[in-house]
């Protein structure tokens, strides 16, 4: 365990992923992006659960890099801002407090890195 919370389980991560994507899919800004990009939601949930399991529990279930997947998406900076808003809500609702804080910090860092790479460094419209 990576020090997030002794009570954090895979079930919490599953609830986080499903809870977040229920919000994101219904969202006016994010929903259309996900609808256009994700064909197999069961598979997508598995991949994202594996990612957060690696980040929060230190497992080795995810071995990829999320950046290349996101760089090709038709998104702007406000998509990341909205993603973070919905993710923060879901993390606070579905994870134990210390794990929620860690997940939010990791998500903030990841979004800042993606935004820098996709918009600042490339000159792509934010």
N, C-alpha and C. Protein backbone atom coordinates (compact mmCIF):
# COMPACT_ATOMS: atom_id res chain seq x y z
N UNK A 1 0.84 -1.17 0.00
CA UNK A 1 0.00 0.00 0.00
C UNK A 1 0.89 1.23 0.00
N UNK A 2 0.43 2.27 -0.68
CA UNK A 2 1.25 3.45 -0.86
C UNK A 2 1.01 4.52 0.19
N UNK A 3 0.44 4.15 1.32
CA UNK A 3 0.27 5.11 2.39
C UNK A 3 -0.98 5.96 2.26
N UNK A 4 -1.90 5.57 1.39
CA UNK A 4 -3.10 6.38 1.20
C UNK A 4 -4.10 6.20 2.32
N UNK A 5 -4.39 4.97 2.68
CA UNK A 5 -5.37 4.72 3.73
C UNK A 5 -5.40 3.21 3.97
N UNK A 6 -5.24 2.82 5.21
CA UNK A 6 -5.21 1.39 5.53
C UNK A 6 -6.53 0.71 5.21
N UNK A 7 -7.61 1.47 5.09
CA UNK A 7 -8.92 0.89 4.82
C UNK A 7 -9.27 0.85 3.34
N UNK A 8 -8.44 1.36 2.49
CA UNK A 8 -8.74 1.41 1.05
C UNK A 8 -8.72 0.01 0.46
N UNK A 9 -9.75 -0.30 -0.33
CA UNK A 9 -9.86 -1.61 -0.97
C UNK A 9 -10.11 -1.45 -2.47
N UNK A 10 -9.99 -2.56 -3.17
CA UNK A 10 -10.34 -2.57 -4.59
C UNK A 10 -11.81 -2.21 -4.79
N UNK A 11 -12.64 -2.57 -3.84
CA UNK A 11 -14.07 -2.23 -3.94
C UNK A 11 -14.27 -0.72 -3.92
N UNK A 12 -13.48 0.00 -3.13
CA UNK A 12 -13.55 1.46 -3.14
C UNK A 12 -13.18 2.00 -4.52
N UNK A 13 -12.13 1.44 -5.09
CA UNK A 13 -11.68 1.90 -6.40
C UNK A 13 -12.74 1.61 -7.46
N UNK A 14 -13.36 0.45 -7.39
CA UNK A 14 -14.44 0.13 -8.32
C UNK A 14 -15.58 1.13 -8.18
N UNK A 15 -15.96 1.45 -6.96
CA UNK A 15 -17.03 2.42 -6.72
C UNK A 15 -16.64 3.80 -7.25
N UNK A 16 -15.38 4.20 -7.03
CA UNK A 16 -14.89 5.48 -7.55
C UNK A 16 -15.02 5.53 -9.07
N UNK A 17 -14.53 4.52 -9.74
CA UNK A 17 -14.53 4.50 -11.21
C UNK A 17 -15.96 4.53 -11.74
N UNK A 18 -16.81 3.69 -11.21
CA UNK A 18 -18.20 3.65 -11.69
C UNK A 18 -18.94 4.94 -11.34
N UNK A 19 -18.71 5.45 -10.15
CA UNK A 19 -19.35 6.70 -9.74
C UNK A 19 -18.89 7.89 -10.56
N UNK A 20 -17.59 7.96 -10.81
CA UNK A 20 -17.08 9.06 -11.62
C UNK A 20 -17.63 9.00 -13.04
N UNK A 21 -17.56 7.83 -13.66
CA UNK A 21 -18.01 7.76 -15.05
C UNK A 21 -19.52 7.92 -15.20
N UNK A 22 -20.29 7.59 -14.20
CA UNK A 22 -21.72 7.89 -14.25
C UNK A 22 -21.92 9.40 -14.35
N UNK A 23 -21.15 10.14 -13.58
CA UNK A 23 -21.22 11.60 -13.63
C UNK A 23 -20.70 12.12 -14.96
N UNK A 24 -19.55 11.64 -15.39
CA UNK A 24 -18.92 12.14 -16.61
C UNK A 24 -19.76 11.87 -17.85
N UNK A 25 -20.34 10.70 -17.92
CA UNK A 25 -21.15 10.35 -19.09
C UNK A 25 -22.41 11.20 -19.18
N UNK A 26 -22.93 11.65 -18.04
CA UNK A 26 -24.12 12.48 -18.01
C UNK A 26 -23.81 13.97 -18.15
N UNK A 27 -22.54 14.32 -18.11
CA UNK A 27 -22.12 15.72 -18.13
C UNK A 27 -22.21 16.31 -19.53
N UNK A 28 -22.70 17.54 -19.62
CA UNK A 28 -22.88 18.20 -20.92
C UNK A 28 -21.55 18.40 -21.66
N UNK A 29 -20.48 18.66 -20.96
CA UNK A 29 -19.18 18.89 -21.61
C UNK A 29 -18.44 17.58 -21.87
N UNK A 30 -18.36 16.71 -20.87
CA UNK A 30 -17.57 15.49 -20.99
C UNK A 30 -18.31 14.34 -21.67
N UNK A 31 -19.60 14.27 -21.47
CA UNK A 31 -20.38 13.15 -22.01
C UNK A 31 -20.16 12.90 -23.49
N UNK A 32 -20.25 13.94 -24.33
CA UNK A 32 -20.05 13.71 -25.77
C UNK A 32 -18.66 13.18 -26.13
N UNK A 33 -17.63 13.59 -25.40
CA UNK A 33 -16.28 13.09 -25.65
C UNK A 33 -16.21 11.61 -25.35
N UNK A 34 -16.72 11.22 -24.20
CA UNK A 34 -16.71 9.80 -23.84
C UNK A 34 -17.58 8.99 -24.79
N UNK A 35 -18.73 9.51 -25.16
CA UNK A 35 -19.62 8.78 -26.07
C UNK A 35 -18.95 8.51 -27.41
N UNK A 36 -18.15 9.46 -27.88
CA UNK A 36 -17.48 9.31 -29.16
C UNK A 36 -16.25 8.41 -29.08
N UNK A 37 -15.65 8.29 -27.90
CA UNK A 37 -14.37 7.60 -27.77
C UNK A 37 -14.42 6.21 -27.16
N UNK A 38 -15.41 5.96 -26.31
CA UNK A 38 -15.45 4.68 -25.58
C UNK A 38 -16.56 3.81 -26.15
N UNK A 39 -16.16 2.68 -26.74
CA UNK A 39 -17.13 1.74 -27.30
C UNK A 39 -17.48 0.62 -26.31
N UNK A 40 -16.53 0.24 -25.48
CA UNK A 40 -16.70 -0.88 -24.56
C UNK A 40 -16.50 -0.37 -23.13
N UNK A 41 -17.60 -0.05 -22.47
CA UNK A 41 -17.49 0.52 -21.13
C UNK A 41 -16.98 -0.47 -20.10
N UNK A 42 -17.30 -1.74 -20.25
CA UNK A 42 -16.78 -2.74 -19.31
C UNK A 42 -15.26 -2.77 -19.37
N UNK A 43 -14.72 -2.77 -20.57
CA UNK A 43 -13.25 -2.77 -20.74
C UNK A 43 -12.65 -1.47 -20.21
N UNK A 44 -13.28 -0.35 -20.54
CA UNK A 44 -12.77 0.94 -20.07
C UNK A 44 -12.71 0.97 -18.54
N UNK A 45 -13.78 0.53 -17.90
CA UNK A 45 -13.79 0.49 -16.43
C UNK A 45 -12.66 -0.39 -15.89
N UNK A 46 -12.43 -1.53 -16.52
CA UNK A 46 -11.35 -2.42 -16.07
C UNK A 46 -9.98 -1.73 -16.15
N UNK A 47 -9.75 -1.05 -17.26
CA UNK A 47 -8.46 -0.36 -17.45
C UNK A 47 -8.29 0.75 -16.42
N UNK A 48 -9.33 1.53 -16.22
CA UNK A 48 -9.24 2.65 -15.28
C UNK A 48 -9.14 2.15 -13.84
N UNK A 49 -9.85 1.08 -13.52
CA UNK A 49 -9.72 0.49 -12.19
C UNK A 49 -8.29 0.00 -11.98
N UNK A 50 -7.70 -0.62 -12.98
CA UNK A 50 -6.31 -1.08 -12.87
C UNK A 50 -5.36 0.10 -12.67
N UNK A 51 -5.60 1.20 -13.39
CA UNK A 51 -4.77 2.40 -13.24
C UNK A 51 -4.82 2.92 -11.80
N UNK A 52 -6.02 3.12 -11.27
CA UNK A 52 -6.14 3.66 -9.92
C UNK A 52 -5.68 2.66 -8.86
N UNK A 53 -5.78 1.38 -9.14
CA UNK A 53 -5.24 0.37 -8.24
C UNK A 53 -3.72 0.51 -8.15
N UNK A 54 -3.10 0.76 -9.29
CA UNK A 54 -1.65 0.97 -9.28
C UNK A 54 -1.30 2.23 -8.51
N UNK A 55 -2.01 3.31 -8.79
CA UNK A 55 -1.70 4.60 -8.16
C UNK A 55 -1.96 4.58 -6.66
N UNK A 56 -3.09 4.01 -6.24
CA UNK A 56 -3.49 4.11 -4.84
C UNK A 56 -3.09 2.92 -3.98
N UNK A 57 -2.98 1.74 -4.59
CA UNK A 57 -2.64 0.55 -3.81
C UNK A 57 -1.26 -0.01 -4.14
N UNK A 58 -0.63 0.52 -5.17
CA UNK A 58 0.70 0.04 -5.54
C UNK A 58 0.71 -1.30 -6.26
N UNK A 59 -0.43 -1.70 -6.83
CA UNK A 59 -0.47 -2.97 -7.55
C UNK A 59 0.22 -2.81 -8.90
N UNK A 60 0.40 -3.93 -9.58
CA UNK A 60 1.04 -3.88 -10.91
C UNK A 60 0.05 -4.22 -12.02
N UNK A 61 -1.23 -3.95 -11.76
CA UNK A 61 -2.27 -4.33 -12.73
C UNK A 61 -2.30 -3.42 -13.96
N UNK A 62 -1.75 -2.25 -13.88
CA UNK A 62 -1.72 -1.32 -15.01
C UNK A 62 -0.27 -1.06 -15.38
N UNK A 63 0.04 -1.25 -16.64
CA UNK A 63 1.43 -1.06 -17.04
C UNK A 63 1.62 -0.09 -18.18
N UNK A 64 0.56 0.60 -18.54
CA UNK A 64 0.65 1.52 -19.67
C UNK A 64 0.94 2.94 -19.24
N UNK A 65 0.67 3.84 -20.17
CA UNK A 65 0.80 5.27 -19.91
C UNK A 65 -0.47 5.95 -20.41
N UNK A 66 -1.14 6.70 -19.57
CA UNK A 66 -2.40 7.31 -20.00
C UNK A 66 -2.22 8.50 -20.95
N UNK A 67 -1.07 9.12 -20.97
CA UNK A 67 -0.89 10.33 -21.78
C UNK A 67 -1.14 10.10 -23.28
N UNK A 68 -0.55 9.10 -23.90
CA UNK A 68 -0.77 8.93 -25.35
C UNK A 68 -2.24 8.75 -25.74
N UNK A 69 -3.00 8.15 -24.88
CA UNK A 69 -4.43 7.97 -25.15
C UNK A 69 -5.14 9.33 -25.14
N UNK A 70 -4.79 10.17 -24.20
CA UNK A 70 -5.47 11.44 -24.03
C UNK A 70 -5.02 12.51 -25.03
N UNK A 71 -3.80 12.44 -25.47
CA UNK A 71 -3.27 13.49 -26.34
C UNK A 71 -4.00 13.52 -27.69
N UNK A 72 -4.56 12.42 -28.11
CA UNK A 72 -5.24 12.37 -29.40
C UNK A 72 -6.71 12.78 -29.30
N UNK A 73 -7.22 13.01 -28.10
CA UNK A 73 -8.63 13.33 -27.92
C UNK A 73 -8.92 14.79 -28.30
N UNK A 74 -10.13 15.04 -28.79
CA UNK A 74 -10.53 16.41 -29.14
C UNK A 74 -10.99 17.18 -27.91
N UNK A 75 -10.05 17.51 -27.05
CA UNK A 75 -10.38 18.19 -25.80
C UNK A 75 -9.61 19.49 -25.67
N UNK A 76 -10.12 20.33 -24.79
CA UNK A 76 -9.49 21.59 -24.45
C UNK A 76 -9.23 21.61 -22.94
N UNK A 77 -8.57 22.64 -22.48
CA UNK A 77 -8.24 22.73 -21.05
C UNK A 77 -9.48 22.64 -20.17
N UNK A 78 -10.59 23.22 -20.62
CA UNK A 78 -11.80 23.18 -19.78
C UNK A 78 -12.34 21.77 -19.58
N UNK A 79 -12.03 20.86 -20.51
CA UNK A 79 -12.42 19.46 -20.31
C UNK A 79 -11.69 18.88 -19.10
N UNK A 80 -10.41 19.20 -18.98
CA UNK A 80 -9.64 18.70 -17.83
C UNK A 80 -10.14 19.33 -16.54
N UNK A 81 -10.48 20.61 -16.60
CA UNK A 81 -11.00 21.28 -15.40
C UNK A 81 -12.30 20.64 -14.94
N UNK A 82 -13.18 20.33 -15.88
CA UNK A 82 -14.45 19.70 -15.53
C UNK A 82 -14.22 18.27 -15.04
N UNK A 83 -13.31 17.55 -15.71
CA UNK A 83 -12.96 16.20 -15.28
C UNK A 83 -12.52 16.22 -13.82
N UNK A 84 -11.65 17.17 -13.48
CA UNK A 84 -11.16 17.26 -12.10
C UNK A 84 -12.29 17.58 -11.13
N UNK A 85 -13.18 18.45 -11.51
CA UNK A 85 -14.30 18.79 -10.63
C UNK A 85 -15.14 17.55 -10.32
N UNK A 86 -15.49 16.79 -11.35
CA UNK A 86 -16.29 15.58 -11.15
C UNK A 86 -15.49 14.51 -10.41
N UNK A 87 -14.19 14.40 -10.71
CA UNK A 87 -13.37 13.40 -10.04
C UNK A 87 -13.25 13.71 -8.55
N UNK A 88 -13.05 14.98 -8.21
CA UNK A 88 -12.96 15.35 -6.79
C UNK A 88 -14.23 14.96 -6.04
N UNK A 89 -15.39 15.23 -6.66
CA UNK A 89 -16.66 14.85 -6.03
C UNK A 89 -16.73 13.34 -5.81
N UNK A 90 -16.39 12.58 -6.84
CA UNK A 90 -16.47 11.12 -6.74
C UNK A 90 -15.47 10.58 -5.73
N UNK A 91 -14.25 11.10 -5.73
CA UNK A 91 -13.25 10.63 -4.77
C UNK A 91 -13.71 10.88 -3.34
N UNK A 92 -14.25 12.06 -3.08
CA UNK A 92 -14.73 12.37 -1.73
C UNK A 92 -15.89 11.47 -1.33
N UNK A 93 -16.71 11.10 -2.29
CA UNK A 93 -17.87 10.27 -1.98
C UNK A 93 -17.53 8.80 -1.80
N UNK A 94 -16.61 8.27 -2.62
CA UNK A 94 -16.42 6.83 -2.68
C UNK A 94 -15.15 6.30 -2.01
N UNK A 95 -14.22 7.16 -1.66
CA UNK A 95 -12.96 6.69 -1.06
C UNK A 95 -12.86 7.13 0.40
N UNK A 96 -12.13 6.35 1.20
CA UNK A 96 -11.82 6.83 2.56
C UNK A 96 -11.08 8.17 2.46
N UNK A 97 -11.19 9.02 3.47
CA UNK A 97 -10.66 10.39 3.38
C UNK A 97 -9.20 10.52 2.94
N UNK A 98 -8.30 9.76 3.53
CA UNK A 98 -6.89 9.89 3.15
C UNK A 98 -6.66 9.45 1.72
N UNK A 99 -7.32 8.39 1.30
CA UNK A 99 -7.20 7.91 -0.08
C UNK A 99 -7.80 8.91 -1.05
N UNK A 100 -8.92 9.53 -0.67
CA UNK A 100 -9.53 10.55 -1.52
C UNK A 100 -8.56 11.70 -1.73
N UNK A 101 -7.92 12.15 -0.67
CA UNK A 101 -6.96 13.25 -0.78
C UNK A 101 -5.80 12.87 -1.71
N UNK A 102 -5.28 11.67 -1.55
CA UNK A 102 -4.18 11.22 -2.40
C UNK A 102 -4.64 11.12 -3.85
N UNK A 103 -5.81 10.56 -4.09
CA UNK A 103 -6.32 10.43 -5.46
C UNK A 103 -6.50 11.79 -6.10
N UNK A 104 -7.04 12.74 -5.36
CA UNK A 104 -7.23 14.09 -5.88
C UNK A 104 -5.90 14.75 -6.20
N UNK A 105 -4.92 14.60 -5.32
CA UNK A 105 -3.59 15.17 -5.58
C UNK A 105 -2.97 14.56 -6.83
N UNK A 106 -3.09 13.25 -6.99
CA UNK A 106 -2.55 12.57 -8.17
C UNK A 106 -3.28 13.04 -9.43
N UNK A 107 -4.60 13.16 -9.36
CA UNK A 107 -5.39 13.61 -10.50
C UNK A 107 -5.02 15.05 -10.88
N UNK A 108 -4.83 15.91 -9.88
CA UNK A 108 -4.43 17.29 -10.14
C UNK A 108 -3.09 17.34 -10.86
N UNK A 109 -2.14 16.55 -10.38
CA UNK A 109 -0.81 16.52 -11.02
C UNK A 109 -0.89 15.99 -12.44
N UNK A 110 -1.67 14.93 -12.63
CA UNK A 110 -1.80 14.33 -13.95
C UNK A 110 -2.46 15.32 -14.92
N UNK A 111 -3.51 15.99 -14.48
CA UNK A 111 -4.19 16.96 -15.35
C UNK A 111 -3.26 18.12 -15.70
N UNK A 112 -2.52 18.61 -14.73
CA UNK A 112 -1.58 19.70 -15.00
C UNK A 112 -0.52 19.27 -16.01
N UNK A 113 -0.03 18.05 -15.86
CA UNK A 113 0.97 17.52 -16.78
C UNK A 113 0.39 17.36 -18.18
N UNK A 114 -0.80 16.79 -18.27
CA UNK A 114 -1.44 16.60 -19.57
C UNK A 114 -1.69 17.95 -20.23
N UNK A 115 -2.20 18.91 -19.48
CA UNK A 115 -2.48 20.23 -20.04
C UNK A 115 -1.20 20.90 -20.51
N UNK A 116 -0.14 20.77 -19.74
CA UNK A 116 1.14 21.36 -20.16
C UNK A 116 1.63 20.71 -21.44
N UNK A 117 1.57 19.40 -21.51
CA UNK A 117 2.03 18.69 -22.70
C UNK A 117 1.17 18.91 -23.91
N UNK A 118 -0.13 18.98 -23.70
CA UNK A 118 -1.05 19.07 -24.82
C UNK A 118 -1.26 20.49 -25.33
N UNK A 119 -1.16 21.49 -24.45
CA UNK A 119 -1.50 22.84 -24.85
C UNK A 119 -0.33 23.81 -24.76
N UNK A 120 0.41 23.79 -23.68
CA UNK A 120 1.51 24.73 -23.51
C UNK A 120 2.70 24.38 -24.39
N UNK A 121 3.12 23.13 -24.34
CA UNK A 121 4.32 22.72 -25.07
C UNK A 121 4.08 22.55 -26.57
N UNK A 122 2.87 22.20 -26.95
CA UNK A 122 2.59 21.94 -28.37
C UNK A 122 2.01 23.14 -29.10
N UNK A 123 1.51 24.11 -28.34
CA UNK A 123 0.86 25.26 -28.97
C UNK A 123 -0.56 24.98 -29.43
N UNK A 124 -1.06 23.80 -29.13
CA UNK A 124 -2.44 23.45 -29.46
C UNK A 124 -3.37 24.36 -28.67
N UNK A 125 -4.49 24.72 -29.27
CA UNK A 125 -5.46 25.57 -28.58
C UNK A 125 -5.93 24.93 -27.30
N UNK A 126 -5.86 25.72 -26.24
CA UNK A 126 -6.33 25.24 -24.95
C UNK A 126 -7.81 25.48 -24.85
